Amino acid sequence: MTKLKLGPIPEDKPVKLAVELPAPLFEDLRRYGEILGEGSPIPPARLIAPMLERFMATDRAFRRHRAQGN
């Protein structure tokens, strides 16, 4: 199995948000979902929130700013 940064995608109550993505980015998300899903592809829309969560969780400046209550 390929080692990806994202693990299993948890079920959660979503908040609807419409975004426009460049076509190459959407295609990369589609490919990522195929790899992560291991035969049962995960739709690109389900990848966006976990990717953003991981990005913000590993952004030291953002964590520092949030810890200061800003």
N, C-alpha and C. Protein backbone atom coordinates (compact mmCIF):
# COMPACT_ATOMS: atom_id res chain seq x y z
N MET A 1 0.83 -1.17 0.00
CA MET A 1 0.00 0.00 0.00
C MET A 1 0.88 1.24 0.00
N THR A 2 0.47 2.25 -0.73
CA THR A 2 1.18 3.52 -0.79
C THR A 2 0.96 4.28 0.51
N LYS A 3 2.02 4.86 1.06
CA LYS A 3 1.93 5.64 2.30
C LYS A 3 1.53 7.07 1.95
N LEU A 4 0.29 7.44 2.27
CA LEU A 4 -0.21 8.78 2.01
C LEU A 4 -0.31 9.55 3.32
N LYS A 5 -0.33 10.87 3.24
CA LYS A 5 -0.43 11.70 4.44
C LYS A 5 -1.79 11.58 5.11
N LEU A 6 -2.85 11.34 4.33
CA LEU A 6 -4.18 11.20 4.90
C LEU A 6 -4.45 9.75 5.25
N GLY A 7 -5.13 9.56 6.35
CA GLY A 7 -5.57 8.24 6.74
C GLY A 7 -7.03 8.06 6.36
N PRO A 8 -7.74 7.17 7.05
CA PRO A 8 -9.16 6.97 6.76
C PRO A 8 -9.94 8.28 6.91
N ILE A 9 -10.94 8.46 6.06
CA ILE A 9 -11.77 9.66 6.08
C ILE A 9 -12.97 9.40 7.00
N PRO A 10 -13.07 10.14 8.12
CA PRO A 10 -14.20 9.90 9.04
C PRO A 10 -15.50 10.48 8.49
N GLU A 11 -16.60 9.88 8.90
CA GLU A 11 -17.91 10.43 8.57
C GLU A 11 -18.17 11.59 9.54
N ASP A 12 -18.69 12.67 9.03
CA ASP A 12 -18.96 13.84 9.85
C ASP A 12 -20.11 14.61 9.23
N LYS A 13 -20.80 15.41 10.03
CA LYS A 13 -21.90 16.23 9.50
C LYS A 13 -21.29 17.39 8.72
N PRO A 14 -21.51 17.44 7.42
CA PRO A 14 -20.87 18.47 6.61
C PRO A 14 -21.60 19.81 6.63
N VAL A 15 -20.86 20.84 6.32
CA VAL A 15 -21.39 22.17 6.06
C VAL A 15 -21.13 22.42 4.59
N LYS A 16 -22.14 22.75 3.85
CA LYS A 16 -22.01 22.89 2.40
C LYS A 16 -21.22 24.15 2.05
N LEU A 17 -20.27 23.98 1.15
CA LEU A 17 -19.43 25.07 0.69
C LEU A 17 -19.13 24.82 -0.78
N ALA A 18 -19.36 25.81 -1.61
CA ALA A 18 -19.08 25.67 -3.04
C ALA A 18 -17.74 26.33 -3.35
N VAL A 19 -16.88 25.60 -4.03
CA VAL A 19 -15.57 26.14 -4.43
C VAL A 19 -15.31 25.80 -5.89
N GLU A 20 -14.50 26.62 -6.51
CA GLU A 20 -14.04 26.33 -7.86
C GLU A 20 -12.57 25.96 -7.77
N LEU A 21 -12.21 24.86 -8.42
CA LEU A 21 -10.83 24.39 -8.41
C LEU A 21 -10.29 24.37 -9.83
N PRO A 22 -9.00 24.63 -9.99
CA PRO A 22 -8.41 24.45 -11.31
C PRO A 22 -8.53 22.97 -11.72
N ALA A 23 -8.75 22.74 -12.99
CA ALA A 23 -8.93 21.37 -13.49
C ALA A 23 -7.77 20.44 -13.11
N PRO A 24 -6.50 20.88 -13.21
CA PRO A 24 -5.41 19.97 -12.82
C PRO A 24 -5.45 19.58 -11.34
N LEU A 25 -5.85 20.52 -10.48
CA LEU A 25 -5.96 20.20 -9.07
C LEU A 25 -7.08 19.20 -8.83
N PHE A 26 -8.22 19.39 -9.48
CA PHE A 26 -9.33 18.45 -9.36
C PHE A 26 -8.90 17.05 -9.81
N GLU A 27 -8.16 16.98 -10.91
CA GLU A 27 -7.69 15.69 -11.41
C GLU A 27 -6.74 15.03 -10.40
N ASP A 28 -5.87 15.83 -9.79
CA ASP A 28 -4.97 15.28 -8.76
C ASP A 28 -5.76 14.78 -7.55
N LEU A 29 -6.80 15.51 -7.15
CA LEU A 29 -7.65 15.04 -6.05
C LEU A 29 -8.33 13.73 -6.41
N ARG A 30 -8.79 13.63 -7.64
CA ARG A 30 -9.43 12.40 -8.09
C ARG A 30 -8.46 11.23 -8.01
N ARG A 31 -7.23 11.45 -8.49
CA ARG A 31 -6.20 10.40 -8.44
C ARG A 31 -5.87 10.02 -6.99
N TYR A 32 -5.75 11.03 -6.14
CA TYR A 32 -5.44 10.79 -4.73
C TYR A 32 -6.54 9.92 -4.11
N GLY A 33 -7.79 10.24 -4.40
CA GLY A 33 -8.91 9.46 -3.89
C GLY A 33 -8.89 8.03 -4.37
N GLU A 34 -8.43 7.80 -5.60
CA GLU A 34 -8.32 6.43 -6.11
C GLU A 34 -7.27 5.66 -5.33
N ILE A 35 -6.13 6.31 -5.08
CA ILE A 35 -5.05 5.63 -4.34
C ILE A 35 -5.47 5.38 -2.90
N LEU A 36 -6.01 6.39 -2.24
CA LEU A 36 -6.41 6.26 -0.84
C LEU A 36 -7.54 5.25 -0.68
N GLY A 37 -8.45 5.20 -1.63
CA GLY A 37 -9.59 4.30 -1.54
C GLY A 37 -9.28 2.86 -1.82
N GLU A 38 -8.11 2.56 -2.35
CA GLU A 38 -7.69 1.18 -2.64
C GLU A 38 -8.79 0.35 -3.30
N GLY A 39 -9.22 0.76 -4.47
CA GLY A 39 -10.22 -0.01 -5.19
C GLY A 39 -11.64 0.52 -5.01
N SER A 40 -11.85 1.34 -4.02
CA SER A 40 -13.14 1.97 -3.80
C SER A 40 -12.87 3.48 -3.72
N PRO A 41 -12.78 4.15 -4.87
CA PRO A 41 -12.35 5.55 -4.92
C PRO A 41 -13.14 6.47 -3.99
N ILE A 42 -12.43 7.38 -3.36
CA ILE A 42 -13.04 8.39 -2.51
C ILE A 42 -13.25 9.63 -3.38
N PRO A 43 -14.46 10.19 -3.41
CA PRO A 43 -14.71 11.37 -4.24
C PRO A 43 -13.86 12.56 -3.79
N PRO A 44 -13.41 13.37 -4.74
CA PRO A 44 -12.58 14.53 -4.40
C PRO A 44 -13.19 15.42 -3.33
N ALA A 45 -14.50 15.62 -3.34
CA ALA A 45 -15.15 16.49 -2.36
C ALA A 45 -14.93 16.00 -0.93
N ARG A 46 -14.81 14.69 -0.73
CA ARG A 46 -14.59 14.15 0.63
C ARG A 46 -13.14 14.29 1.08
N LEU A 47 -12.24 14.59 0.17
CA LEU A 47 -10.83 14.74 0.52
C LEU A 47 -10.48 16.14 0.99
N ILE A 48 -11.22 17.13 0.53
CA ILE A 48 -10.84 18.52 0.75
C ILE A 48 -10.79 18.88 2.23
N ALA A 49 -11.82 18.56 3.00
CA ALA A 49 -11.83 18.91 4.43
C ALA A 49 -10.69 18.24 5.20
N PRO A 50 -10.46 16.93 5.05
CA PRO A 50 -9.35 16.32 5.79
C PRO A 50 -7.99 16.89 5.38
N MET A 51 -7.84 17.24 4.10
CA MET A 51 -6.58 17.82 3.65
C MET A 51 -6.37 19.20 4.27
N LEU A 52 -7.43 20.00 4.32
CA LEU A 52 -7.31 21.32 4.94
C LEU A 52 -7.05 21.20 6.44
N GLU A 53 -7.73 20.26 7.09
CA GLU A 53 -7.50 20.04 8.53
C GLU A 53 -6.05 19.67 8.79
N ARG A 54 -5.52 18.76 7.99
CA ARG A 54 -4.13 18.33 8.17
C ARG A 54 -3.17 19.48 7.91
N PHE A 55 -3.45 20.24 6.87
CA PHE A 55 -2.60 21.39 6.55
C PHE A 55 -2.56 22.37 7.72
N MET A 56 -3.73 22.72 8.25
CA MET A 56 -3.77 23.70 9.34
C MET A 56 -3.17 23.13 10.63
N ALA A 57 -3.35 21.83 10.87
CA ALA A 57 -2.79 21.20 12.07
C ALA A 57 -1.27 21.17 12.04
N THR A 58 -0.68 21.18 10.86
CA THR A 58 0.78 21.11 10.76
C THR A 58 1.41 22.46 10.44
N ASP A 59 0.61 23.52 10.39
CA ASP A 59 1.12 24.86 10.14
C ASP A 59 1.46 25.49 11.50
N ARG A 60 2.73 25.56 11.80
CA ARG A 60 3.17 26.03 13.13
C ARG A 60 2.72 27.46 13.41
N ALA A 61 2.83 28.33 12.44
CA ALA A 61 2.43 29.73 12.66
C ALA A 61 0.94 29.82 12.96
N PHE A 62 0.13 29.04 12.26
CA PHE A 62 -1.31 29.05 12.52
C PHE A 62 -1.62 28.52 13.90
N ARG A 63 -0.97 27.42 14.31
CA ARG A 63 -1.20 26.85 15.64
C ARG A 63 -0.82 27.84 16.73
N ARG A 64 0.32 28.51 16.54
CA ARG A 64 0.79 29.50 17.50
C ARG A 64 -0.21 30.66 17.62
N HIS A 65 -0.69 31.13 16.49
CA HIS A 65 -1.63 32.23 16.45
C HIS A 65 -2.94 31.83 17.14
N ARG A 66 -3.41 30.63 16.86
CA ARG A 66 -4.66 30.15 17.46
C ARG A 66 -4.50 29.94 18.97
N ALA A 67 -3.33 29.48 19.40
CA ALA A 67 -3.09 29.25 20.82
C ALA A 67 -3.08 30.56 21.60
N GLN A 68 -2.75 31.65 20.93
CA GLN A 68 -2.74 32.97 21.58
C GLN A 68 -4.15 33.55 21.67
N GLY A 69 -5.13 32.84 21.14
CA GLY A 69 -6.51 33.28 21.21
C GLY A 69 -6.89 34.30 20.15
N ASN A 70 -6.11 34.38 19.10
CA ASN A 70 -6.40 35.34 18.02
C ASN A 70 -7.22 34.71 16.94
